[in-house]
């Protein structure tokens, strides 16, 4: 049996599908120890098997079924990991959701809050427990999966664009803070990746990329400690253009951009929103 006790450690949220599953597979192929977090335990177990790992192998794998908005749970799991395995070499805050919102509809304000909770606040809560241990060690990579949608506001994407813009700026602040410490803070902004999140998009998606190809490029960015990487590179050029184009020109053409579907017809998503509204002290609408 191979001794894995000294193998490097990856902690990854949103690990059960799409980009997260591809990143987990890429690190598993390198022989890393994996700490994988997602809401559904059965998908995590299947992912482990797909990576050639036994779901119950305590030397290579920790599978944690948890909602990333449960920040107390994230902190508890981080403390346990630090105590039993040590500090990870790489932590990737990848968990995210995307829904269109119509802010004229009262119920969509709850959807917007959900998106900010998961895409921004939970990402910071994922990285936070490892800042001090990595700084003390003088090495490590804290990685956030943002989006090119964080560059400008797109119609019906008020919450998603805001959440990714907030994450980009928070990671930038953290990167500057940690620059003297040896800890790398890496922001990765995907373009269109062929996952369940983009499958329902009703508009053209240029430079659509498979999760596996994305993961290969993302690992290179993490390995080299790049401050900011847009994948694929063609979307990087487009995002730079969008960043500098005058507002009048942007407003004219962005109005033609395809709308992301609202959450209203997705019963599992509606149920999640109702639970979160109650958790925040409100009342269910049903």
C-alpha atoms as a PDB file:
ATOM      1  CA  UNK A   1       0.000   0.000   0.000  1.00  0.00           C
ATOM      2  CA  UNK A   2       1.287   3.456  -0.940  1.00  0.00           C
ATOM      3  CA  UNK A   3       1.923   5.801   1.990  1.00  0.00           C
ATOM      4  CA  UNK A   4      -0.165   8.918   1.402  1.00  0.00           C
ATOM      5  CA  UNK A   5       0.361  10.553   4.789  1.00  0.00           C
ATOM      6  CA  UNK A   6       2.737  13.129   3.312  1.00  0.00           C
ATOM      7  CA  UNK A   7       0.789  13.755   0.104  1.00  0.00           C
ATOM      8  CA  UNK A   8      -0.346  17.365  -0.422  1.00  0.00           C
ATOM      9  CA  UNK A   9      -3.916  18.270   0.490  1.00  0.00           C
ATOM     10  CA  UNK A  10      -6.671  19.906  -1.543  1.00  0.00           C
ATOM     11  CA  UNK A  11      -9.880  21.266  -0.004  1.00  0.00           C
ATOM     12  CA  UNK A  12     -12.582  21.944  -2.575  1.00  0.00           C
ATOM     13  CA  UNK A  13     -16.205  23.101  -2.300  1.00  0.00           C
ATOM     14  CA  UNK A  14     -18.840  22.507  -4.929  1.00  0.00           C
ATOM     15  CA  UNK A  15     -17.002  19.301  -5.687  1.00  0.00           C
ATOM     16  CA  UNK A  16     -19.780  16.985  -6.812  1.00  0.00           C
ATOM     17  CA  UNK A  17     -20.297  18.099 -10.415  1.00  0.00           C
ATOM     18  CA  UNK A  18     -19.139  20.338 -13.243  1.00  0.00           C
ATOM     19  CA  UNK A  19     -16.004  22.376 -12.630  1.00  0.00           C
ATOM     20  CA  UNK A  20     -15.630  21.008  -9.100  1.00  0.00           C
ATOM     21  CA  UNK A  21     -15.709  17.364 -10.179  1.00  0.00           C
ATOM     22  CA  UNK A  22     -13.159  18.066 -12.930  1.00  0.00           C
ATOM     23  CA  UNK A  23     -10.812  19.803 -10.482  1.00  0.00           C
ATOM     24  CA  UNK A  24     -11.167  16.919  -7.999  1.00  0.00           C
ATOM     25  CA  UNK A  25     -10.339  14.386 -10.705  1.00  0.00           C
ATOM     26  CA  UNK A  26      -7.274  16.355 -11.796  1.00  0.00           C
ATOM     27  CA  UNK A  27      -5.866  16.535  -8.260  1.00  0.00           C
ATOM     28  CA  UNK A  28      -6.736  12.878  -7.597  1.00  0.00           C
ATOM     29  CA  UNK A  29      -4.691  11.944 -10.665  1.00  0.00           C
ATOM     30  CA  UNK A  30      -1.736  13.729  -9.056  1.00  0.00           C
ATOM     31  CA  UNK A  31      -2.051  11.584  -5.926  1.00  0.00           C
ATOM     32  CA  UNK A  32      -3.206  14.380  -3.629  1.00  0.00           C
ATOM     33  CA  UNK A  33      -5.319  13.848  -0.537  1.00  0.00           C
ATOM     34  CA  UNK A  34      -8.767  15.294  -1.129  1.00  0.00           C
ATOM     35  CA  UNK A  35     -11.250  17.056   1.134  1.00  0.00           C
ATOM     36  CA  UNK A  36     -14.403  17.375  -0.970  1.00  0.00           C
ATOM     37  CA  UNK A  37     -17.439  19.364   0.113  1.00  0.00           C
ATOM     38  CA  UNK A  38     -20.865  19.391  -1.541  1.00  0.00           C
ATOM     39  CA  UNK A  39     -24.491  19.104  -0.487  1.00  0.00           C
ATOM     40  CA  UNK A  40     -25.226  15.573  -1.764  1.00  0.00           C
ATOM     41  CA  UNK A  41     -23.289  12.695  -0.246  1.00  0.00           C
ATOM     42  CA  UNK A  42     -24.226  10.216  -2.975  1.00  0.00           C
ATOM     43  CA  UNK A  43     -22.691  12.405  -5.679  1.00  0.00           C
ATOM     44  CA  UNK A  44     -19.491  12.811  -3.675  1.00  0.00           C
ATOM     45  CA  UNK A  45     -19.241   9.041  -3.271  1.00  0.00           C
ATOM     46  CA  UNK A  46     -19.761   8.501  -6.987  1.00  0.00           C
ATOM     47  CA  UNK A  47     -17.134  11.128  -7.751  1.00  0.00           C
ATOM     48  CA  UNK A  48     -14.665   9.297  -5.513  1.00  0.00           C
ATOM     49  CA  UNK A  49     -15.289   6.066  -7.410  1.00  0.00           C
ATOM     50  CA  UNK A  50     -14.942   7.883 -10.735  1.00  0.00           C
ATOM     51  CA  UNK A  51     -11.543   9.107  -9.520  1.00  0.00           C
ATOM     52  CA  UNK A  52     -10.510   5.534  -8.710  1.00  0.00           C
ATOM     53  CA  UNK A  53     -10.765   6.083  -4.943  1.00  0.00           C
ATOM     54  CA  UNK A  54     -12.705   4.201  -2.305  1.00  0.00           C
ATOM     55  CA  UNK A  55     -15.235   6.576  -0.722  1.00  0.00           C
ATOM     56  CA  UNK A  56     -14.372   5.191   2.713  1.00  0.00           C
ATOM     57  CA  UNK A  57     -10.580   5.473   2.359  1.00  0.00           C
ATOM     58  CA  UNK A  58      -9.587   7.689   5.314  1.00  0.00           C
ATOM     59  CA  UNK A  59      -5.997   8.061   4.095  1.00  0.00           C
ATOM     60  CA  UNK A  60      -6.839   9.743   0.785  1.00  0.00           C
ATOM     61  CA  UNK A  61     -10.276  11.169   1.140  1.00  0.00           C
ATOM     62  CA  UNK A  62     -12.660  13.182   3.290  1.00  0.00           C
ATOM     63  CA  UNK A  63     -16.162  13.511   1.878  1.00  0.00           C
ATOM     64  CA  UNK A  64     -18.227  16.185   3.624  1.00  0.00           C
ATOM     65  CA  UNK A  65     -21.919  16.558   2.803  1.00  0.00           C
ATOM     66  CA  UNK A  66     -22.671  20.129   3.855  1.00  0.00           C
ATOM     67  CA  UNK A  67     -24.290  23.350   2.720  1.00  0.00           C
ATOM     68  CA  UNK A  68     -21.550  25.968   2.377  1.00  0.00           C
ATOM     69  CA  UNK A  69     -23.836  28.598   3.873  1.00  0.00           C
ATOM     70  CA  UNK A  70     -23.495  26.762   7.176  1.00  0.00           C
ATOM     71  CA  UNK A  71     -20.387  28.685   8.162  1.00  0.00           C
ATOM     72  CA  UNK A  72     -20.227  27.096  11.616  1.00  0.00           C
ATOM     73  CA  UNK A  73     -20.021  23.688   9.965  1.00  0.00           C
ATOM     74  CA  UNK A  74     -17.303  24.903   7.604  1.00  0.00           C
ATOM     75  CA  UNK A  75     -15.263  26.184  10.540  1.00  0.00           C
ATOM     76  CA  UNK A  76     -15.717  22.931  12.474  1.00  0.00           C
ATOM     77  CA  UNK A  77     -14.632  20.830   9.494  1.00  0.00           C
ATOM     78  CA  UNK A  78     -11.643  23.122   8.925  1.00  0.00           C
ATOM     79  CA  UNK A  79     -10.566  22.821  12.554  1.00  0.00           C
ATOM     80  CA  UNK A  80     -10.834  19.019  12.369  1.00  0.00           C
ATOM     81  CA  UNK A  81      -8.821  18.935   9.150  1.00  0.00           C
ATOM     82  CA  UNK A  82      -6.086  21.158  10.580  1.00  0.00           C
ATOM     83  CA  UNK A  83      -5.866  18.993  13.677  1.00  0.00           C
ATOM     84  CA  UNK A  84      -5.872  15.589  11.959  1.00  0.00           C
ATOM     85  CA  UNK A  85      -4.243  16.121   8.539  1.00  0.00           C
ATOM     86  CA  UNK A  86      -2.702  19.557   8.770  1.00  0.00           C
ATOM     87  CA  UNK A  87      -3.034  22.654   6.617  1.00  0.00           C
ATOM     88  CA  UNK A  88      -3.951  22.111   2.937  1.00  0.00           C
ATOM     89  CA  UNK A  89      -1.608  23.214   0.198  1.00  0.00           C
ATOM     90  CA  UNK A  90      -4.562  24.399  -1.916  1.00  0.00           C
ATOM     91  CA  UNK A  91      -8.067  25.542  -0.909  1.00  0.00           C
ATOM     92  CA  UNK A  92     -10.539  26.198  -3.724  1.00  0.00           C
ATOM     93  CA  UNK A  93     -13.832  28.016  -3.070  1.00  0.00           C
ATOM     94  CA  UNK A  94     -15.787  26.766  -6.060  1.00  0.00           C
ATOM     95  CA  UNK A  95     -19.386  26.329  -4.859  1.00  0.00           C
ATOM     96  CA  UNK A  96     -21.768  28.576  -6.749  1.00  0.00           C
ATOM     97  CA  UNK A  97     -25.245  28.959  -8.216  1.00  0.00           C
ATOM     98  CA  UNK A  98     -26.615  31.005 -11.088  1.00  0.00           C
ATOM     99  CA  UNK A  99     -30.166  32.179 -11.683  1.00  0.00           C
ATOM    100  CA  UNK A 100     -31.637  35.109 -13.515  1.00  0.00           C
ATOM    101  CA  UNK A 101     -33.489  37.596 -11.359  1.00  0.00           C
ATOM    102  CA  UNK A 102     -36.240  40.083 -12.044  1.00  0.00           C
ATOM    103  CA  UNK A 103     -35.921  42.639  -9.272  1.00  0.00           C
ATOM    104  CA  UNK A 104     -39.445  43.899  -9.921  1.00  0.00           C
ATOM    105  CA  UNK A 105     -40.630  40.578  -8.455  1.00  0.00           C
ATOM    106  CA  UNK A 106     -40.521  40.519  -4.649  1.00  0.00           C
ATOM    107  CA  UNK A 107     -39.671  36.809  -4.460  1.00  0.00           C
ATOM    108  CA  UNK A 108     -36.546  37.340  -6.555  1.00  0.00           C
ATOM    109  CA  UNK A 109     -34.981  39.384  -3.768  1.00  0.00           C
ATOM    110  CA  UNK A 110     -34.724  36.125  -1.818  1.00  0.00           C
ATOM    111  CA  UNK A 111     -33.105  34.483  -4.831  1.00  0.00           C
ATOM    112  CA  UNK A 112     -30.608  37.348  -5.030  1.00  0.00           C
ATOM    113  CA  UNK A 113     -29.737  36.894  -1.362  1.00  0.00           C
ATOM    114  CA  UNK A 114     -29.199  33.166  -1.887  1.00  0.00           C
ATOM    115  CA  UNK A 115     -26.826  33.868  -4.763  1.00  0.00           C
ATOM    116  CA  UNK A 116     -24.796  36.350  -2.712  1.00  0.00           C
ATOM    117  CA  UNK A 117     -24.735  33.976   0.272  1.00  0.00           C
ATOM    118  CA  UNK A 118     -23.298  31.091  -1.759  1.00  0.00           C
ATOM    119  CA  UNK A 119     -21.170  32.794  -4.390  1.00  0.00           C
ATOM    120  CA  UNK A 120     -19.562  35.429  -2.167  1.00  0.00           C
ATOM    121  CA  UNK A 121     -20.074  35.019   1.592  1.00  0.00           C
ATOM    122  CA  UNK A 122     -19.629  31.236   1.602  1.00  0.00           C
ATOM    123  CA  UNK A 123     -16.523  31.526  -0.560  1.00  0.00           C
ATOM    124  CA  UNK A 124     -14.913  33.804   2.018  1.00  0.00           C
ATOM    125  CA  UNK A 125     -16.014  31.471   4.807  1.00  0.00           C
ATOM    126  CA  UNK A 126     -14.335  28.584   2.953  1.00  0.00           C
ATOM    127  CA  UNK A 127     -10.984  30.360   2.712  1.00  0.00           C
ATOM    128  CA  UNK A 128     -10.961  32.152   6.077  1.00  0.00           C
ATOM    129  CA  UNK A 129      -9.956  29.265   8.411  1.00  0.00           C
ATOM    130  CA  UNK A 130      -6.788  28.612   6.419  1.00  0.00           C
ATOM    131  CA  UNK A 131      -5.411  32.142   6.158  1.00  0.00           C
ATOM    132  CA  UNK A 132      -3.565  32.152   9.476  1.00  0.00           C
ATOM    133  CA  UNK A 133      -2.169  28.581   9.176  1.00  0.00           C
ATOM    134  CA  UNK A 134      -0.924  29.230   5.640  1.00  0.00           C
ATOM    135  CA  UNK A 135       0.594  32.551   6.669  1.00  0.00           C
ATOM    136  CA  UNK A 136       2.374  30.855   9.586  1.00  0.00           C
ATOM    137  CA  UNK A 137       3.714  28.174   7.245  1.00  0.00           C
ATOM    138  CA  UNK A 138       4.678  30.726   4.608  1.00  0.00           C
ATOM    139  CA  UNK A 139       3.079  28.888   1.700  1.00  0.00           C
ATOM    140  CA  UNK A 140      -0.198  27.740   0.186  1.00  0.00           C
ATOM    141  CA  UNK A 141      -2.781  28.816  -2.357  1.00  0.00           C
ATOM    142  CA  UNK A 142      -6.220  30.257  -1.655  1.00  0.00           C
ATOM    143  CA  UNK A 143      -8.279  30.054  -4.827  1.00  0.00           C
ATOM    144  CA  UNK A 144     -11.653  31.542  -5.706  1.00  0.00           C
ATOM    145  CA  UNK A 145     -13.653  30.556  -8.781  1.00  0.00           C
ATOM    146  CA  UNK A 146     -15.185  33.828  -9.981  1.00  0.00           C
ATOM    147  CA  UNK A 147     -16.566  34.539 -13.476  1.00  0.00           C
ATOM    148  CA  UNK A 148     -16.163  36.875 -16.415  1.00  0.00           C
ATOM    149  CA  UNK A 149     -19.705  37.933 -15.470  1.00  0.00           C
ATOM    150  CA  UNK A 150     -18.095  39.860 -12.627  1.00  0.00           C
ATOM    151  CA  UNK A 151     -16.624  42.394 -15.056  1.00  0.00           C
ATOM    152  CA  UNK A 152     -19.844  44.217 -16.009  1.00  0.00           C
ATOM    153  CA  UNK A 153     -23.521  44.004 -15.118  1.00  0.00           C
ATOM    154  CA  UNK A 154     -25.638  41.987 -17.544  1.00  0.00           C
ATOM    155  CA  UNK A 155     -29.436  42.136 -17.898  1.00  0.00           C
ATOM    156  CA  UNK A 156     -31.297  39.779 -15.534  1.00  0.00           C
ATOM    157  CA  UNK A 157     -27.971  38.872 -13.911  1.00  0.00           C
ATOM    158  CA  UNK A 158     -28.047  41.540 -11.194  1.00  0.00           C
ATOM    159  CA  UNK A 159     -27.304  39.085  -8.393  1.00  0.00           C
ATOM    160  CA  UNK A 160     -24.900  36.747 -10.188  1.00  0.00           C
ATOM    161  CA  UNK A 161     -22.779  39.545 -11.654  1.00  0.00           C
ATOM    162  CA  UNK A 162     -22.720  41.317  -8.280  1.00  0.00           C
ATOM    163  CA  UNK A 163     -21.703  38.153  -6.429  1.00  0.00           C
ATOM    164  CA  UNK A 164     -18.799  37.458  -8.763  1.00  0.00           C
ATOM    165  CA  UNK A 165     -17.685  41.102  -8.804  1.00  0.00           C
ATOM    166  CA  UNK A 166     -17.695  41.068  -5.001  1.00  0.00           C
ATOM    167  CA  UNK A 167     -15.645  37.865  -4.953  1.00  0.00           C
ATOM    168  CA  UNK A 168     -13.093  39.271  -7.408  1.00  0.00           C
ATOM    169  CA  UNK A 169     -12.572  42.392  -5.303  1.00  0.00           C
ATOM    170  CA  UNK A 170     -12.449  40.478  -2.003  1.00  0.00           C
ATOM    171  CA  UNK A 171      -9.810  38.129  -3.397  1.00  0.00           C
ATOM    172  CA  UNK A 172      -7.864  41.099  -4.718  1.00  0.00           C
ATOM    173  CA  UNK A 173      -7.870  42.670  -1.251  1.00  0.00           C
ATOM    174  CA  UNK A 174      -6.759  39.389   0.317  1.00  0.00           C
ATOM    175  CA  UNK A 175      -4.020  38.944  -2.281  1.00  0.00           C
ATOM    176  CA  UNK A 176      -2.509  42.319  -1.435  1.00  0.00           C
ATOM    177  CA  UNK A 177      -2.759  41.616   2.301  1.00  0.00           C
ATOM    178  CA  UNK A 178      -0.969  38.275   1.987  1.00  0.00           C
ATOM    179  CA  UNK A 179       1.612  39.252  -0.608  1.00  0.00           C
ATOM    180  CA  UNK A 180       4.550  39.432   1.870  1.00  0.00           C
ATOM    181  CA  UNK A 181       3.614  36.095   3.488  1.00  0.00           C
ATOM    182  CA  UNK A 182       4.338  33.643   0.686  1.00  0.00           C
ATOM    183  CA  UNK A 183       0.655  32.677   0.432  1.00  0.00           C
ATOM    184  CA  UNK A 184      -0.776  32.964  -3.081  1.00  0.00           C
ATOM    185  CA  UNK A 185      -4.315  34.182  -3.683  1.00  0.00           C
ATOM    186  CA  UNK A 186      -5.535  33.107  -7.110  1.00  0.00           C
ATOM    187  CA  UNK A 187      -8.681  34.385  -8.822  1.00  0.00           C
ATOM    188  CA  UNK A 188      -9.920  32.236 -11.703  1.00  0.00           C
ATOM    189  CA  UNK A 189     -12.689  33.606 -13.895  1.00  0.00           C
ATOM    190  CA  UNK A 190     -14.241  30.993 -16.166  1.00  0.00           C
ATOM    191  CA  UNK A 191     -16.018  31.875 -19.342  1.00  0.00           C
ATOM    192  CA  UNK A 192     -18.672  29.463 -20.559  1.00  0.00           C
ATOM    193  CA  UNK A 193     -18.023  25.938 -19.298  1.00  0.00           C
ATOM    194  CA  UNK A 194     -20.193  23.027 -20.454  1.00  0.00           C
ATOM    195  CA  UNK A 195     -21.874  22.160 -17.144  1.00  0.00           C
ATOM    196  CA  UNK A 196     -25.381  21.839 -15.726  1.00  0.00           C
ATOM    197  CA  UNK A 197     -25.175  25.521 -14.741  1.00  0.00           C
ATOM    198  CA  UNK A 198     -24.920  26.623 -18.371  1.00  0.00           C
ATOM    199  CA  UNK A 199     -27.073  23.876 -19.911  1.00  0.00           C
ATOM    200  CA  UNK A 200     -30.249  25.924 -19.567  1.00  0.00           C
ATOM    201  CA  UNK A 201     -28.839  29.130 -21.054  1.00  0.00           C
ATOM    202  CA  UNK A 202     -30.998  30.376 -23.891  1.00  0.00           C
ATOM    203  CA  UNK A 203     -28.310  32.368 -25.653  1.00  0.00           C
ATOM    204  CA  UNK A 204     -25.125  31.811 -27.598  1.00  0.00           C
ATOM    205  CA  UNK A 205     -22.094  30.898 -25.473  1.00  0.00           C
ATOM    206  CA  UNK A 206     -18.839  31.684 -27.310  1.00  0.00           C
ATOM    207  CA  UNK A 207     -15.706  29.596 -26.645  1.00  0.00           C
ATOM    208  CA  UNK A 208     -17.668  26.947 -24.721  1.00  0.00           C
ATOM    209  CA  UNK A 209     -15.156  24.688 -22.940  1.00  0.00           C
ATOM    210  CA  UNK A 210     -15.375  21.258 -21.319  1.00  0.00           C
ATOM    211  CA  UNK A 211     -14.818  21.024 -17.539  1.00  0.00           C
ATOM    212  CA  UNK A 212     -11.781  18.765 -18.010  1.00  0.00           C
ATOM    213  CA  UNK A 213     -10.027  21.224 -20.313  1.00  0.00           C
ATOM    214  CA  UNK A 214     -10.890  24.051 -17.926  1.00  0.00           C
ATOM    215  CA  UNK A 215      -9.452  22.112 -14.986  1.00  0.00           C
ATOM    216  CA  UNK A 216      -6.176  21.549 -16.833  1.00  0.00           C
ATOM    217  CA  UNK A 217      -5.792  25.287 -17.426  1.00  0.00           C
ATOM    218  CA  UNK A 218      -6.878  26.114 -13.865  1.00  0.00           C
ATOM    219  CA  UNK A 219      -4.243  23.815 -12.365  1.00  0.00           C
ATOM    220  CA  UNK A 220      -1.525  25.568 -14.355  1.00  0.00           C
ATOM    221  CA  UNK A 221      -2.698  28.926 -13.003  1.00  0.00           C
ATOM    222  CA  UNK A 222      -2.757  27.603  -9.433  1.00  0.00           C
ATOM    223  CA  UNK A 223       0.629  25.898  -9.772  1.00  0.00           C
ATOM    224  CA  UNK A 224       2.257  29.135 -10.886  1.00  0.00           C
ATOM    225  CA  UNK A 225       0.371  31.311  -8.374  1.00  0.00           C
ATOM    226  CA  UNK A 226      -1.157  33.582 -10.997  1.00  0.00           C
ATOM    227  CA  UNK A 227      -2.999  36.479  -9.434  1.00  0.00           C
ATOM    228  CA  UNK A 228      -5.826  36.415 -11.977  1.00  0.00           C
ATOM    229  CA  UNK A 229      -6.608  34.021 -14.798  1.00  0.00           C
ATOM    230  CA  UNK A 230      -9.491  34.056 -17.261  1.00  0.00           C
ATOM    231  CA  UNK A 231     -10.209  30.688 -18.871  1.00  0.00           C
ATOM    232  CA  UNK A 232     -10.354  30.314 -21.822  1.00  0.00           C
ATOM    233  CA  UNK A 233      -7.929  33.028 -22.845  1.00  0.00           C
ATOM    234  CA  UNK A 234     -10.268  34.282 -25.578  1.00  0.00           C
ATOM    235  CA  UNK A 235     -12.770  35.281 -22.902  1.00  0.00           C
ATOM    236  CA  UNK A 236      -9.939  37.121 -21.184  1.00  0.00           C
ATOM    237  CA  UNK A 237      -9.562  39.366 -24.201  1.00  0.00           C
ATOM    238  CA  UNK A 238     -13.316  39.901 -24.328  1.00  0.00           C
ATOM    239  CA  UNK A 239     -13.510  40.724 -20.618  1.00  0.00           C
ATOM    240  CA  UNK A 240     -10.703  43.286 -20.952  1.00  0.00           C
ATOM    241  CA  UNK A 241     -12.618  44.920 -23.774  1.00  0.00           C
ATOM    242  CA  UNK A 242     -15.841  44.949 -21.738  1.00  0.00           C
ATOM    243  CA  UNK A 243     -13.976  46.527 -18.830  1.00  0.00           C
ATOM    244  CA  UNK A 244     -12.938  49.589 -20.830  1.00  0.00           C
ATOM    245  CA  UNK A 245     -15.779  50.034 -23.343  1.00  0.00           C
ATOM    246  CA  UNK A 246     -17.712  53.288 -22.711  1.00  0.00           C
ATOM    247  CA  UNK A 247     -20.949  52.931 -20.766  1.00  0.00           C
ATOM    248  CA  UNK A 248     -23.129  54.222 -23.593  1.00  0.00           C
ATOM    249  CA  UNK A 249     -21.747  51.618 -25.997  1.00  0.00           C
ATOM    250  CA  UNK A 250     -21.967  48.848 -23.401  1.00  0.00           C
ATOM    251  CA  UNK A 251     -25.563  49.716 -22.471  1.00  0.00           C
ATOM    252  CA  UNK A 252     -26.619  49.679 -26.130  1.00  0.00           C
ATOM    253  CA  UNK A 253     -25.222  46.237 -26.909  1.00  0.00           C
ATOM    254  CA  UNK A 254     -25.645  44.560 -23.508  1.00  0.00           C
ATOM    255  CA  UNK A 255     -29.394  45.075 -23.815  1.00  0.00           C
ATOM    256  CA  UNK A 256     -29.343  42.476 -26.596  1.00  0.00           C
ATOM    257  CA  UNK A 257     -27.675  39.875 -24.379  1.00  0.00           C
ATOM    258  CA  UNK A 258     -29.648  36.715 -23.652  1.00  0.00           C
ATOM    259  CA  UNK A 259     -31.558  36.503 -20.382  1.00  0.00           C
ATOM    260  CA  UNK A 260     -30.800  33.842 -17.790  1.00  0.00           C
ATOM    261  CA  UNK A 261     -33.905  31.889 -16.783  1.00  0.00           C
ATOM    262  CA  UNK A 262     -35.508  32.880 -13.493  1.00  0.00           C
ATOM    263  CA  UNK A 263     -35.751  30.438 -10.630  1.00  0.00           C
ATOM    264  CA  UNK A 264     -39.552  30.447 -10.494  1.00  0.00           C
ATOM    265  CA  UNK A 265     -40.106  27.170 -12.375  1.00  0.00           C
ATOM    266  CA  UNK A 266     -37.558  25.153 -10.394  1.00  0.00           C
ATOM    267  CA  UNK A 267     -39.336  23.581  -7.392  1.00  0.00           C
ATOM    268  CA  UNK A 268     -36.139  22.314  -5.658  1.00  0.00           C
ATOM    269  CA  UNK A 269     -34.681  25.817  -5.961  1.00  0.00           C
ATOM    270  CA  UNK A 270     -37.877  27.386  -4.667  1.00  0.00           C
ATOM    271  CA  UNK A 271     -37.836  25.010  -1.693  1.00  0.00           C
ATOM    272  CA  UNK A 272     -34.264  26.033  -0.903  1.00  0.00           C
ATOM    273  CA  UNK A 273     -35.244  29.698  -1.045  1.00  0.00           C
ATOM    274  CA  UNK A 274     -38.185  29.116   1.313  1.00  0.00           C
ATOM    275  CA  UNK A 275     -35.914  27.337   3.816  1.00  0.00           C
ATOM    276  CA  UNK A 276     -33.407  30.169   3.700  1.00  0.00           C
ATOM    277  CA  UNK A 277     -36.103  32.808   4.148  1.00  0.00           C
ATOM    278  CA  UNK A 278     -37.284  31.023   7.293  1.00  0.00           C
ATOM    279  CA  UNK A 279     -33.668  30.670   8.489  1.00  0.00           C
ATOM    280  CA  UNK A 280     -33.242  34.441   8.172  1.00  0.00           C
ATOM    281  CA  UNK A 281     -36.342  34.993  10.322  1.00  0.00           C
ATOM    282  CA  UNK A 282     -38.931  35.533   7.621  1.00  0.00           C
ATOM    283  CA  UNK A 283     -41.994  33.511   6.656  1.00  0.00           C
ATOM    284  CA  UNK A 284     -42.496  30.973   3.932  1.00  0.00           C
ATOM    285  CA  UNK A 285     -44.622  32.173   1.035  1.00  0.00           C
ATOM    286  CA  UNK A 286     -46.424  28.815   0.934  1.00  0.00           C
END
